[in-house]
Amino acid sequence: MFSGCSVSSLAAKFAFFPPDPPTYSVKKDDSGRMVASGVPRDHSMDVLVLDTKQGNKIVAFYLKNPLARLTVLYSHGNAADLGQLYDLFVQLKLNLRVNLIGYDYSGYGASSGKPSEYSTYADIEAVYECLQTEYGVSQEDLILYGQSVGSGPTLHLASRLARLRGVVLHSAILSGIRVVCHVNFTLCFDIYKNINKIKKVKCPILVIHGTEDDVVNWLHGHGLWKLAKEPYEPLWINGGGHCNLELYPDYIRHLCEFIREIENITTATRLKKIKQTLKLPKKATVTTSTASTTTFTTNCCCRIKFVKPNCASCSCGGCLTVRRSKGSANLCNWCSGRNRR
């Protein structure tokens, strides 16, 4: 039997395996601009060093596309860093026609600190804050992309953003311990409990998984797709493994279809969804009964009842309208008091 600490430690060892040594480094050039060595010099890419709330400094690459309407925030897998992902980022930027920002977790690449579940949460929050403050990207124009262990920080952030445009889960996990021990229940010391967080995501979710994934079984992707509130048509790549899905033509084709579809969601549709997520109070309604009592329902907790007296001038019962809140001016709806005796 495993103890809680030993199983959690085992799951953490699965989750974090940064390349050693890193495949790139960062420094300032003669003009004071931050650049990365080990990757091609790209004038459309900003190299960023961001502070996290845990006190670490993480590196991010922001690739700009002048034709883009949406931005992708990419959280990578457990055994890669930004130097290895640069070529993929360029291809996604061009083929999907998006801006793209990728980042290294604490302890990965040129980022400081040590990797942990909660440090990755702080990392992605720092990147999202940078997109908002430095590039003016709102959550309505943002797509979160999580590969493998990157699905953890992705769903952490997605579960907190009610107006997010979309989410992509690539070879994603239900939870850390479910990968290591293949259990069907949640333990308190589990890491990346995506099985719980995906239920809180309120935007379209595309799930991509290989049927022959021998690291994260296909059942993880299928389980997440079944739990999604707004699932998009999934992509199950026949024969695909854990680290080679980008090589299949269906990968980029299906991604493009997803991006174009959510890009074309109308403003009216988006506003309707936003109102639904905000759970705005219902408008005031007035219900009139056939008896002599009228109930007015307001937005507050009060229910006010007015009893209508009979008209002294005609034979109509319960027909009087209270014309002012104080005094006794009661005028009949039918005779307006003209038949008053």
C-alpha atoms as a PDB file:
ATOM      1  CA  MET A   1       0.000   0.000   0.000  1.00  0.00           C
ATOM      2  CA  PHE A   2       1.170   3.491  -0.881  1.00  0.00           C
ATOM      3  CA  SER A   3       0.897   6.257   1.704  1.00  0.00           C
ATOM      4  CA  GLY A   4      -0.641   9.556   0.672  1.00  0.00           C
ATOM      5  CA  CYS A   5       2.711  11.333   0.631  1.00  0.00           C
ATOM      6  CA  SER A   6       4.476   8.654  -1.389  1.00  0.00           C
ATOM      7  CA  VAL A   7       1.725   8.483  -4.027  1.00  0.00           C
ATOM      8  CA  SER A   8       1.616  12.273  -4.282  1.00  0.00           C
ATOM      9  CA  SER A   9       5.403  12.361  -4.629  1.00  0.00           C
ATOM     10  CA  LEU A  10       5.219   9.689  -7.312  1.00  0.00           C
ATOM     11  CA  ALA A  11       2.614  11.697  -9.206  1.00  0.00           C
ATOM     12  CA  ALA A  12       4.811  14.805  -8.975  1.00  0.00           C
ATOM     13  CA  LYS A  13       7.742  12.882 -10.457  1.00  0.00           C
ATOM     14  CA  PHE A  14       5.514  11.933 -13.376  1.00  0.00           C
ATOM     15  CA  ALA A  15       4.343  15.495 -13.790  1.00  0.00           C
ATOM     16  CA  PHE A  16       7.675  17.366 -13.937  1.00  0.00           C
ATOM     17  CA  PHE A  17      10.640  16.359 -16.047  1.00  0.00           C
ATOM     18  CA  PRO A  18      12.315  19.554 -17.317  1.00  0.00           C
ATOM     19  CA  PRO A  19      15.014  19.197 -20.013  1.00  0.00           C
ATOM     20  CA  ASP A  20      18.480  19.278 -18.458  1.00  0.00           C
ATOM     21  CA  PRO A  21      20.301  21.279 -19.617  1.00  0.00           C
ATOM     22  CA  PRO A  22      17.761  23.799 -20.958  1.00  0.00           C
ATOM     23  CA  THR A  23      17.684  24.173 -24.740  1.00  0.00           C
ATOM     24  CA  TYR A  24      17.888  27.985 -24.677  1.00  0.00           C
ATOM     25  CA  SER A  25      18.884  30.965 -22.549  1.00  0.00           C
ATOM     26  CA  VAL A  26      17.805  34.610 -22.410  1.00  0.00           C
ATOM     27  CA  LYS A  27      19.732  37.859 -22.250  1.00  0.00           C
ATOM     28  CA  LYS A  28      19.430  41.512 -23.252  1.00  0.00           C
ATOM     29  CA  ASP A  29      20.881  42.641 -26.572  1.00  0.00           C
ATOM     30  CA  ASP A  30      22.730  45.931 -27.175  1.00  0.00           C
ATOM     31  CA  SER A  31      19.445  47.829 -27.449  1.00  0.00           C
ATOM     32  CA  GLY A  32      18.231  46.482 -24.110  1.00  0.00           C
ATOM     33  CA  ARG A  33      15.675  44.163 -25.683  1.00  0.00           C
ATOM     34  CA  MET A  34      15.334  40.679 -24.211  1.00  0.00           C
ATOM     35  CA  VAL A  35      16.322  37.957 -26.698  1.00  0.00           C
ATOM     36  CA  ALA A  36      16.631  34.174 -26.574  1.00  0.00           C
ATOM     37  CA  SER A  37      19.696  32.249 -27.712  1.00  0.00           C
ATOM     38  CA  GLY A  38      19.185  28.763 -29.067  1.00  0.00           C
ATOM     39  CA  VAL A  39      16.188  29.817 -31.185  1.00  0.00           C
ATOM     40  CA  PRO A  40      16.106  31.825 -34.445  1.00  0.00           C
ATOM     41  CA  ARG A  41      16.043  35.609 -34.062  1.00  0.00           C
ATOM     42  CA  ASP A  42      12.423  36.545 -34.688  1.00  0.00           C
ATOM     43  CA  HIS A  43      11.420  40.207 -34.795  1.00  0.00           C
ATOM     44  CA  SER A  44       7.739  39.252 -34.500  1.00  0.00           C
ATOM     45  CA  MET A  45       8.413  37.556 -31.154  1.00  0.00           C
ATOM     46  CA  ASP A  46       8.698  39.227 -27.768  1.00  0.00           C
ATOM     47  CA  VAL A  47      10.798  37.471 -25.146  1.00  0.00           C
ATOM     48  CA  LEU A  48       9.325  38.206 -21.734  1.00  0.00           C
ATOM     49  CA  VAL A  49      10.443  37.639 -18.154  1.00  0.00           C
ATOM     50  CA  LEU A  50       7.470  37.705 -15.796  1.00  0.00           C
ATOM     51  CA  ASP A  51       7.212  37.753 -12.012  1.00  0.00           C
ATOM     52  CA  THR A  52       4.840  35.253 -10.386  1.00  0.00           C
ATOM     53  CA  LYS A  53       3.074  35.600  -7.043  1.00  0.00           C
ATOM     54  CA  GLN A  54       5.334  32.832  -5.701  1.00  0.00           C
ATOM     55  CA  GLY A  55       8.412  34.993  -6.316  1.00  0.00           C
ATOM     56  CA  ASN A  56       9.731  33.158  -9.393  1.00  0.00           C
ATOM     57  CA  LYS A  57      10.699  34.676 -12.731  1.00  0.00           C
ATOM     58  CA  ILE A  58       9.367  32.792 -15.717  1.00  0.00           C
ATOM     59  CA  VAL A  59      10.141  33.176 -19.416  1.00  0.00           C
ATOM     60  CA  ALA A  60       7.454  33.537 -22.084  1.00  0.00           C
ATOM     61  CA  PHE A  61       7.545  33.853 -25.883  1.00  0.00           C
ATOM     62  CA  TYR A  62       4.827  36.044 -27.433  1.00  0.00           C
ATOM     63  CA  LEU A  63       4.494  35.546 -31.206  1.00  0.00           C
ATOM     64  CA  LYS A  64       2.496  38.192 -33.047  1.00  0.00           C
ATOM     65  CA  ASN A  65       0.376  37.650 -36.159  1.00  0.00           C
ATOM     66  CA  PRO A  66      -0.929  40.869 -37.785  1.00  0.00           C
ATOM     67  CA  LEU A  67      -3.965  38.984 -39.147  1.00  0.00           C
ATOM     68  CA  ALA A  68      -4.975  37.545 -35.794  1.00  0.00           C
ATOM     69  CA  ARG A  69      -8.259  38.176 -34.037  1.00  0.00           C
ATOM     70  CA  LEU A  70      -7.675  35.682 -31.227  1.00  0.00           C
ATOM     71  CA  THR A  71      -4.773  34.791 -28.926  1.00  0.00           C
ATOM     72  CA  VAL A  72      -3.709  31.310 -27.817  1.00  0.00           C
ATOM     73  CA  LEU A  73      -2.112  30.780 -24.404  1.00  0.00           C
ATOM     74  CA  TYR A  74      -0.132  27.530 -24.706  1.00  0.00           C
ATOM     75  CA  SER A  75       0.810  25.386 -21.676  1.00  0.00           C
ATOM     76  CA  HIS A  76       3.260  22.688 -22.756  1.00  0.00           C
ATOM     77  CA  GLY A  77       3.912  19.110 -21.654  1.00  0.00           C
ATOM     78  CA  ASN A  78       6.128  17.833 -18.888  1.00  0.00           C
ATOM     79  CA  ALA A  79       9.351  17.106 -20.776  1.00  0.00           C
ATOM     80  CA  ALA A  80       9.812  20.143 -23.051  1.00  0.00           C
ATOM     81  CA  ASP A  81      10.850  23.779 -22.855  1.00  0.00           C
ATOM     82  CA  LEU A  82      10.330  26.812 -25.066  1.00  0.00           C
ATOM     83  CA  GLY A  83      13.470  26.180 -27.119  1.00  0.00           C
ATOM     84  CA  GLN A  84      12.042  22.876 -28.343  1.00  0.00           C
ATOM     85  CA  LEU A  85       8.596  24.329 -29.000  1.00  0.00           C
ATOM     86  CA  TYR A  86       9.542  27.424 -30.996  1.00  0.00           C
ATOM     87  CA  ASP A  87       9.041  25.791 -34.434  1.00  0.00           C
ATOM     88  CA  LEU A  88       5.637  24.440 -33.405  1.00  0.00           C
ATOM     89  CA  PHE A  89       4.610  27.866 -32.119  1.00  0.00           C
ATOM     90  CA  VAL A  90       5.495  29.455 -35.465  1.00  0.00           C
ATOM     91  CA  GLN A  91       3.454  26.871 -37.376  1.00  0.00           C
ATOM     92  CA  LEU A  92       0.441  27.309 -35.106  1.00  0.00           C
ATOM     93  CA  LYS A  93       0.665  31.084 -35.334  1.00  0.00           C
ATOM     94  CA  LEU A  94       0.622  30.975 -39.138  1.00  0.00           C
ATOM     95  CA  ASN A  95      -1.817  28.117 -39.770  1.00  0.00           C
ATOM     96  CA  LEU A  96      -4.346  29.096 -37.134  1.00  0.00           C
ATOM     97  CA  ARG A  97      -3.948  32.827 -37.800  1.00  0.00           C
ATOM     98  CA  VAL A  98      -3.602  33.677 -34.122  1.00  0.00           C
ATOM     99  CA  ASN A  99      -1.273  35.427 -31.739  1.00  0.00           C
ATOM    100  CA  LEU A 100       0.380  32.851 -29.498  1.00  0.00           C
ATOM    101  CA  ILE A 101       2.068  33.037 -26.117  1.00  0.00           C
ATOM    102  CA  GLY A 102       3.903  30.086 -24.612  1.00  0.00           C
ATOM    103  CA  TYR A 103       5.713  30.022 -21.293  1.00  0.00           C
ATOM    104  CA  ASP A 104       8.054  27.833 -19.287  1.00  0.00           C
ATOM    105  CA  TYR A 105       6.940  26.676 -15.869  1.00  0.00           C
ATOM    106  CA  SER A 106       9.017  27.547 -12.821  1.00  0.00           C
ATOM    107  CA  GLY A 107      12.137  25.380 -12.981  1.00  0.00           C
ATOM    108  CA  TYR A 108      11.850  24.821 -16.751  1.00  0.00           C
ATOM    109  CA  GLY A 109      14.101  26.374 -19.383  1.00  0.00           C
ATOM    110  CA  ALA A 110      15.373  29.760 -18.230  1.00  0.00           C
ATOM    111  CA  SER A 111      12.620  30.151 -15.614  1.00  0.00           C
ATOM    112  CA  SER A 112      13.683  30.251 -11.970  1.00  0.00           C
ATOM    113  CA  GLY A 113      12.335  28.198  -9.074  1.00  0.00           C
ATOM    114  CA  LYS A 114      11.175  24.612  -8.832  1.00  0.00           C
ATOM    115  CA  PRO A 115       8.177  23.052 -10.564  1.00  0.00           C
ATOM    116  CA  SER A 116       5.102  22.105  -8.546  1.00  0.00           C
ATOM    117  CA  GLU A 117       1.380  21.980  -9.104  1.00  0.00           C
ATOM    118  CA  TYR A 118       0.737  25.316  -7.418  1.00  0.00           C
ATOM    119  CA  SER A 119       3.710  27.044  -9.006  1.00  0.00           C
ATOM    120  CA  THR A 120       2.272  26.218 -12.449  1.00  0.00           C
ATOM    121  CA  TYR A 121      -0.987  27.842 -11.360  1.00  0.00           C
ATOM    122  CA  ALA A 122       0.921  30.977 -10.368  1.00  0.00           C
ATOM    123  CA  ASP A 123       2.832  30.811 -13.672  1.00  0.00           C
ATOM    124  CA  ILE A 124      -0.235  30.777 -15.926  1.00  0.00           C
ATOM    125  CA  GLU A 125      -1.894  33.521 -13.867  1.00  0.00           C
ATOM    126  CA  ALA A 126       1.182  35.724 -14.400  1.00  0.00           C
ATOM    127  CA  VAL A 127       1.024  35.099 -18.164  1.00  0.00           C
ATOM    128  CA  TYR A 128      -2.695  35.903 -18.291  1.00  0.00           C
ATOM    129  CA  GLU A 129      -2.134  39.120 -16.349  1.00  0.00           C
ATOM    130  CA  CYS A 130       0.612  40.087 -18.817  1.00  0.00           C
ATOM    131  CA  LEU A 131      -1.726  39.505 -21.764  1.00  0.00           C
ATOM    132  CA  GLN A 132      -4.293  41.783 -20.169  1.00  0.00           C
ATOM    133  CA  THR A 133      -1.996  44.611 -19.102  1.00  0.00           C
ATOM    134  CA  GLU A 134       0.693  44.603 -21.802  1.00  0.00           C
ATOM    135  CA  TYR A 135      -1.235  43.463 -24.890  1.00  0.00           C
ATOM    136  CA  GLY A 136      -4.829  44.355 -24.087  1.00  0.00           C
ATOM    137  CA  VAL A 137      -6.107  40.798 -24.566  1.00  0.00           C
ATOM    138  CA  SER A 138      -9.477  40.169 -22.929  1.00  0.00           C
ATOM    139  CA  GLN A 139     -10.705  36.722 -21.955  1.00  0.00           C
ATOM    140  CA  GLU A 140     -13.365  36.961 -24.675  1.00  0.00           C
ATOM    141  CA  ASP A 141     -10.556  36.818 -27.265  1.00  0.00           C
ATOM    142  CA  LEU A 142      -8.447  34.164 -25.542  1.00  0.00           C
ATOM    143  CA  ILE A 143      -8.094  30.433 -26.164  1.00  0.00           C
ATOM    144  CA  LEU A 144      -6.307  28.312 -23.555  1.00  0.00           C
ATOM    145  CA  TYR A 145      -4.325  25.350 -24.896  1.00  0.00           C
ATOM    146  CA  GLY A 146      -3.037  22.652 -22.550  1.00  0.00           C
ATOM    147  CA  GLN A 147      -0.880  19.703 -23.599  1.00  0.00           C
ATOM    148  CA  SER A 148      -0.490  16.721 -21.245  1.00  0.00           C
ATOM    149  CA  VAL A 149       0.448  18.116 -17.809  1.00  0.00           C
ATOM    150  CA  GLY A 150      -0.267  21.571 -19.250  1.00  0.00           C
ATOM    151  CA  SER A 151      -3.950  20.665 -19.041  1.00  0.00           C
ATOM    152  CA  GLY A 152      -3.631  21.236 -15.271  1.00  0.00           C
ATOM    153  CA  PRO A 153      -2.845  24.972 -15.301  1.00  0.00           C
ATOM    154  CA  THR A 154      -5.075  25.374 -18.361  1.00  0.00           C
ATOM    155  CA  LEU A 155      -8.199  24.078 -16.619  1.00  0.00           C
ATOM    156  CA  HIS A 156      -7.222  25.877 -13.408  1.00  0.00           C
ATOM    157  CA  LEU A 157      -7.422  29.208 -15.244  1.00  0.00           C
ATOM    158  CA  ALA A 158     -10.326  28.237 -17.504  1.00  0.00           C
ATOM    159  CA  SER A 159     -12.486  27.344 -14.503  1.00  0.00           C
ATOM    160  CA  ARG A 160     -12.075  30.925 -13.250  1.00  0.00           C
ATOM    161  CA  LEU A 161     -12.831  32.793 -16.496  1.00  0.00           C
ATOM    162  CA  ALA A 162     -16.550  32.876 -17.265  1.00  0.00           C
ATOM    163  CA  ARG A 163     -16.232  34.601 -20.661  1.00  0.00           C
ATOM    164  CA  LEU A 164     -13.307  32.666 -22.131  1.00  0.00           C
ATOM    165  CA  ARG A 165     -13.531  32.057 -25.905  1.00  0.00           C
ATOM    166  CA  GLY A 166     -12.361  28.416 -25.946  1.00  0.00           C
ATOM    167  CA  VAL A 167     -10.145  25.639 -24.556  1.00  0.00           C
ATOM    168  CA  VAL A 168      -8.036  22.968 -26.273  1.00  0.00           C
ATOM    169  CA  LEU A 169      -6.995  19.869 -24.307  1.00  0.00           C
ATOM    170  CA  HIS A 170      -4.230  17.913 -26.043  1.00  0.00           C
ATOM    171  CA  SER A 171      -3.345  14.485 -24.572  1.00  0.00           C
ATOM    172  CA  ALA A 172      -4.813  15.781 -21.308  1.00  0.00           C
ATOM    173  CA  ILE A 173      -5.041  14.042 -17.942  1.00  0.00           C
ATOM    174  CA  LEU A 174      -8.017  13.441 -15.659  1.00  0.00           C
ATOM    175  CA  SER A 175      -5.660  13.835 -12.679  1.00  0.00           C
ATOM    176  CA  GLY A 176      -2.056  13.070 -11.806  1.00  0.00           C
ATOM    177  CA  ILE A 177      -2.630   9.954  -9.727  1.00  0.00           C
ATOM    178  CA  ARG A 178      -5.054   8.518 -12.276  1.00  0.00           C
ATOM    179  CA  VAL A 179      -2.149   8.415 -14.733  1.00  0.00           C
ATOM    180  CA  VAL A 180       0.250   6.735 -12.305  1.00  0.00           C
ATOM    181  CA  CYS A 181      -2.069   4.315 -10.511  1.00  0.00           C
ATOM    182  CA  HIS A 182      -5.060   3.995 -12.888  1.00  0.00           C
ATOM    183  CA  VAL A 183      -7.605   4.507 -10.087  1.00  0.00           C
ATOM    184  CA  ASN A 184     -11.191   5.554 -10.662  1.00  0.00           C
ATOM    185  CA  PHE A 185     -11.625   7.769  -7.607  1.00  0.00           C
ATOM    186  CA  THR A 186     -10.236  11.079  -6.385  1.00  0.00           C
ATOM    187  CA  LEU A 187      -7.839  11.257  -3.446  1.00  0.00           C
ATOM    188  CA  CYS A 188      -7.288  14.367  -1.355  1.00  0.00           C
ATOM    189  CA  PHE A 189      -3.546  14.399  -2.139  1.00  0.00           C
ATOM    190  CA  ASP A 190      -4.044  14.024  -5.900  1.00  0.00           C
ATOM    191  CA  ILE A 191      -2.566  16.681  -8.199  1.00  0.00           C
ATOM    192  CA  TYR A 192      -4.208  18.429 -11.156  1.00  0.00           C
ATOM    193  CA  LYS A 193      -7.776  17.344 -10.419  1.00  0.00           C
ATOM    194  CA  ASN A 194      -8.961  18.176 -13.932  1.00  0.00           C
ATOM    195  CA  ILE A 195     -11.843  15.745 -13.524  1.00  0.00           C
ATOM    196  CA  ASN A 196     -13.421  18.263 -11.127  1.00  0.00           C
ATOM    197  CA  LYS A 197     -12.339  21.541 -12.707  1.00  0.00           C
ATOM    198  CA  ILE A 198     -13.569  20.825 -16.239  1.00  0.00           C
ATOM    199  CA  LYS A 199     -17.147  20.900 -14.949  1.00  0.00           C
ATOM    200  CA  LYS A 200     -16.691  24.609 -14.147  1.00  0.00           C
ATOM    201  CA  VAL A 201     -15.559  25.624 -17.647  1.00  0.00           C
ATOM    202  CA  LYS A 202     -18.255  27.560 -19.525  1.00  0.00           C
ATOM    203  CA  CYS A 203     -16.795  27.757 -23.050  1.00  0.00           C
ATOM    204  CA  PRO A 204     -16.356  25.321 -25.980  1.00  0.00           C
ATOM    205  CA  ILE A 205     -13.755  22.627 -25.283  1.00  0.00           C
ATOM    206  CA  LEU A 206     -11.887  20.710 -28.004  1.00  0.00           C
ATOM    207  CA  VAL A 207     -10.291  17.442 -26.853  1.00  0.00           C
ATOM    208  CA  ILE A 208      -7.478  15.883 -28.928  1.00  0.00           C
ATOM    209  CA  HIS A 209      -6.040  12.487 -27.997  1.00  0.00           C
ATOM    210  CA  GLY A 210      -4.194   9.619 -29.639  1.00  0.00           C
ATOM    211  CA  THR A 211      -5.787   6.174 -29.483  1.00  0.00           C
ATOM    212  CA  GLU A 212      -2.373   4.539 -28.881  1.00  0.00           C
ATOM    213  CA  ASP A 213      -1.130   6.950 -26.206  1.00  0.00           C
ATOM    214  CA  ASP A 214       0.980   4.798 -23.869  1.00  0.00           C
ATOM    215  CA  VAL A 215       1.688   7.624 -21.389  1.00  0.00           C
ATOM    216  CA  VAL A 216      -1.792   9.070 -20.825  1.00  0.00           C
ATOM    217  CA  ASN A 217      -4.404   6.551 -21.875  1.00  0.00           C
ATOM    218  CA  TRP A 218      -7.037   7.634 -24.393  1.00  0.00           C
ATOM    219  CA  LEU A 219      -9.672   7.120 -21.694  1.00  0.00           C
ATOM    220  CA  HIS A 220      -8.420  10.296 -19.998  1.00  0.00           C
ATOM    221  CA  GLY A 221      -9.282  12.396 -23.051  1.00  0.00           C
ATOM    222  CA  HIS A 222     -12.582  10.609 -23.551  1.00  0.00           C
ATOM    223  CA  GLY A 223     -13.499  11.104 -19.905  1.00  0.00           C
ATOM    224  CA  LEU A 224     -12.773  14.843 -20.046  1.00  0.00           C
ATOM    225  CA  TRP A 225     -14.791  15.200 -23.253  1.00  0.00           C
ATOM    226  CA  LYS A 226     -17.795  13.484 -21.645  1.00  0.00           C
ATOM    227  CA  LEU A 227     -17.576  15.792 -18.605  1.00  0.00           C
ATOM    228  CA  ALA A 228     -17.332  19.052 -20.594  1.00  0.00           C
ATOM    229  CA  LYS A 229     -20.382  21.347 -20.398  1.00  0.00           C
ATOM    230  CA  GLU A 230     -19.868  22.565 -23.956  1.00  0.00           C
ATOM    231  CA  PRO A 231     -17.871  19.851 -25.776  1.00  0.00           C
ATOM    232  CA  TYR A 232     -16.729  20.455 -29.346  1.00  0.00           C
ATOM    233  CA  GLU A 233     -16.426  17.524 -31.755  1.00  0.00           C
ATOM    234  CA  PRO A 234     -13.350  15.660 -30.397  1.00  0.00           C
ATOM    235  CA  LEU A 235     -10.383  14.507 -32.450  1.00  0.00           C
ATOM    236  CA  TRP A 236      -9.340  10.925 -31.736  1.00  0.00           C
ATOM    237  CA  ILE A 237      -6.195  10.354 -33.816  1.00  0.00           C
ATOM    238  CA  ASN A 238      -6.100   6.693 -34.795  1.00  0.00           C
ATOM    239  CA  GLY A 239      -2.677   5.274 -33.961  1.00  0.00           C
ATOM    240  CA  GLY A 240      -1.489   8.540 -32.424  1.00  0.00           C
ATOM    241  CA  GLY A 241       0.811   8.443 -29.405  1.00  0.00           C
ATOM    242  CA  HIS A 242       1.523  10.969 -26.676  1.00  0.00           C
ATOM    243  CA  CYS A 243       4.092  13.238 -28.344  1.00  0.00           C
ATOM    244  CA  ASN A 244       3.458  12.954 -32.090  1.00  0.00           C
ATOM    245  CA  LEU A 245      -0.085  14.182 -32.717  1.00  0.00           C
ATOM    246  CA  GLU A 246       1.160  17.344 -34.454  1.00  0.00           C
ATOM    247  CA  LEU A 247       2.538  15.151 -37.268  1.00  0.00           C
ATOM    248  CA  TYR A 248      -0.935  13.986 -38.340  1.00  0.00           C
ATOM    249  CA  PRO A 249      -2.730  16.113 -40.998  1.00  0.00           C
ATOM    250  CA  ASP A 250      -6.020  15.873 -39.091  1.00  0.00           C
ATOM    251  CA  TYR A 251      -4.423  17.691 -36.142  1.00  0.00           C
ATOM    252  CA  ILE A 252      -3.986  21.071 -37.843  1.00  0.00           C
ATOM    253  CA  ARG A 253      -7.150  20.652 -39.942  1.00  0.00           C
ATOM    254  CA  HIS A 254      -9.387  20.055 -36.930  1.00  0.00           C
ATOM    255  CA  LEU A 255      -7.709  22.833 -34.935  1.00  0.00           C
ATOM    256  CA  CYS A 256      -8.317  25.276 -37.799  1.00  0.00           C
ATOM    257  CA  GLU A 257     -11.996  24.302 -37.927  1.00  0.00           C
ATOM    258  CA  PHE A 258     -12.341  24.852 -34.198  1.00  0.00           C
ATOM    259  CA  ILE A 259     -10.613  28.239 -34.283  1.00  0.00           C
ATOM    260  CA  ARG A 260     -12.673  29.477 -37.236  1.00  0.00           C
ATOM    261  CA  GLU A 261     -15.938  28.328 -35.690  1.00  0.00           C
ATOM    262  CA  ILE A 262     -15.443  29.984 -32.310  1.00  0.00           C
ATOM    263  CA  GLU A 263     -13.947  33.035 -34.026  1.00  0.00           C
ATOM    264  CA  ASN A 264     -17.223  33.509 -35.887  1.00  0.00           C
ATOM    265  CA  ILE A 265     -19.459  33.346 -32.831  1.00  0.00           C
ATOM    266  CA  THR A 266     -21.601  36.483 -33.072  1.00  0.00           C
ATOM    267  CA  THR A 267     -21.528  39.212 -30.467  1.00  0.00           C
ATOM    268  CA  ALA A 268     -25.211  38.592 -29.714  1.00  0.00           C
ATOM    269  CA  THR A 269     -24.538  34.925 -28.987  1.00  0.00           C
ATOM    270  CA  ARG A 270     -21.592  35.773 -26.762  1.00  0.00           C
ATOM    271  CA  LEU A 271     -23.614  38.369 -24.817  1.00  0.00           C
ATOM    272  CA  LYS A 272     -26.411  35.864 -24.312  1.00  0.00           C
ATOM    273  CA  LYS A 273     -23.929  33.342 -22.904  1.00  0.00           C
ATOM    274  CA  ILE A 274     -22.376  35.992 -20.661  1.00  0.00           C
ATOM    275  CA  LYS A 275     -25.770  36.911 -19.219  1.00  0.00           C
ATOM    276  CA  GLN A 276     -26.463  33.242 -18.567  1.00  0.00           C
ATOM    277  CA  THR A 277     -23.169  32.792 -16.719  1.00  0.00           C
ATOM    278  CA  LEU A 278     -23.763  35.909 -14.624  1.00  0.00           C
ATOM    279  CA  LYS A 279     -27.181  34.585 -13.520  1.00  0.00           C
ATOM    280  CA  LEU A 280     -28.859  37.989 -13.655  1.00  0.00           C
ATOM    281  CA  PRO A 281     -32.111  38.339 -11.649  1.00  0.00           C
ATOM    282  CA  LYS A 282     -35.333  37.946 -13.580  1.00  0.00           C
ATOM    283  CA  LYS A 283     -37.276  41.030 -14.594  1.00  0.00           C
ATOM    284  CA  ALA A 284     -40.143  42.113 -12.378  1.00  0.00           C
ATOM    285  CA  THR A 285     -43.435  40.468 -13.281  1.00  0.00           C
ATOM    286  CA  VAL A 286     -46.979  41.485 -12.474  1.00  0.00           C
ATOM    287  CA  THR A 287     -49.589  38.775 -12.023  1.00  0.00           C
ATOM    288  CA  THR A 288     -53.240  39.738 -11.771  1.00  0.00           C
ATOM    289  CA  SER A 289     -55.675  37.205 -10.361  1.00  0.00           C
ATOM    290  CA  THR A 290     -59.345  36.941 -11.273  1.00  0.00           C
ATOM    291  CA  ALA A 291     -60.256  37.478  -7.640  1.00  0.00           C
ATOM    292  CA  SER A 292     -60.163  40.791  -5.840  1.00  0.00           C
ATOM    293  CA  THR A 293     -56.470  40.419  -4.836  1.00  0.00           C
ATOM    294  CA  THR A 294     -53.477  41.437  -7.004  1.00  0.00           C
ATOM    295  CA  THR A 295     -49.947  40.277  -6.194  1.00  0.00           C
ATOM    296  CA  PHE A 296     -46.964  42.350  -7.363  1.00  0.00           C
ATOM    297  CA  THR A 297     -43.667  40.398  -7.516  1.00  0.00           C
ATOM    298  CA  THR A 298     -40.574  42.567  -7.334  1.00  0.00           C
ATOM    299  CA  ASN A 299     -36.817  41.895  -7.589  1.00  0.00           C
ATOM    300  CA  CYS A 300     -36.549  42.034  -3.806  1.00  0.00           C
ATOM    301  CA  CYS A 301     -37.780  39.484  -1.308  1.00  0.00           C
ATOM    302  CA  CYS A 302     -41.121  41.258  -0.717  1.00  0.00           C
ATOM    303  CA  ARG A 303     -44.510  40.232  -2.082  1.00  0.00           C
ATOM    304  CA  ILE A 304     -47.013  43.124  -1.810  1.00  0.00           C
ATOM    305  CA  LYS A 305     -50.736  42.400  -1.901  1.00  0.00           C
ATOM    306  CA  PHE A 306     -53.454  44.985  -2.527  1.00  0.00           C
ATOM    307  CA  VAL A 307     -57.090  44.124  -1.845  1.00  0.00           C
ATOM    308  CA  LYS A 308     -59.483  45.906  -4.199  1.00  0.00           C
ATOM    309  CA  PRO A 309     -62.756  47.034  -2.617  1.00  0.00           C
ATOM    310  CA  ASN A 310     -66.073  46.923  -4.439  1.00  0.00           C
ATOM    311  CA  CYS A 311     -67.256  50.014  -6.314  1.00  0.00           C
ATOM    312  CA  ALA A 312     -70.062  51.946  -4.596  1.00  0.00           C
ATOM    313  CA  SER A 313     -71.205  53.410  -7.924  1.00  0.00           C
ATOM    314  CA  CYS A 314     -71.740  50.264 -10.009  1.00  0.00           C
ATOM    315  CA  SER A 315     -72.248  46.533  -9.636  1.00  0.00           C
ATOM    316  CA  CYS A 316     -68.637  45.543 -10.436  1.00  0.00           C
ATOM    317  CA  GLY A 317     -66.820  43.780  -7.609  1.00  0.00           C
ATOM    318  CA  GLY A 318     -63.100  44.104  -6.870  1.00  0.00           C
ATOM    319  CA  CYS A 319     -62.665  46.628  -9.675  1.00  0.00           C
ATOM    320  CA  LEU A 320     -61.031  49.574  -7.959  1.00  0.00           C
ATOM    321  CA  THR A 321     -57.468  50.718  -8.638  1.00  0.00           C
ATOM    322  CA  VAL A 322     -55.408  52.412  -5.966  1.00  0.00           C
ATOM    323  CA  ARG A 323     -54.221  55.592  -7.652  1.00  0.00           C
ATOM    324  CA  ARG A 324     -51.889  56.770  -4.903  1.00  0.00           C
ATOM    325  CA  SER A 325     -50.196  55.082  -1.969  1.00  0.00           C
ATOM    326  CA  LYS A 326     -51.671  57.432   0.644  1.00  0.00           C
ATOM    327  CA  GLY A 327     -55.226  58.699   0.948  1.00  0.00           C
ATOM    328  CA  SER A 328     -58.466  57.128  -0.232  1.00  0.00           C
ATOM    329  CA  ALA A 329     -58.713  57.999  -3.934  1.00  0.00           C
ATOM    330  CA  ASN A 330     -60.146  54.721  -5.285  1.00  0.00           C
ATOM    331  CA  LEU A 331     -61.547  55.069  -8.834  1.00  0.00           C
ATOM    332  CA  CYS A 332     -63.439  52.295 -10.577  1.00  0.00           C
ATOM    333  CA  ASN A 333     -61.822  50.810 -13.707  1.00  0.00           C
ATOM    334  CA  TRP A 334     -65.221  50.639 -15.326  1.00  0.00           C
ATOM    335  CA  CYS A 335     -67.162  53.771 -14.382  1.00  0.00           C
ATOM    336  CA  SER A 336     -64.275  56.005 -13.160  1.00  0.00           C
ATOM    337  CA  GLY A 337     -66.544  57.169 -10.346  1.00  0.00           C
ATOM    338  CA  ARG A 338     -69.025  58.748 -12.709  1.00  0.00           C
ATOM    339  CA  ASN A 339     -71.833  56.654 -11.226  1.00  0.00           C
ATOM    340  CA  ARG A 340     -70.911  57.565  -7.673  1.00  0.00           C
ATOM    341  CA  ARG A 341     -73.968  58.052  -5.516  1.00  0.00           C
END
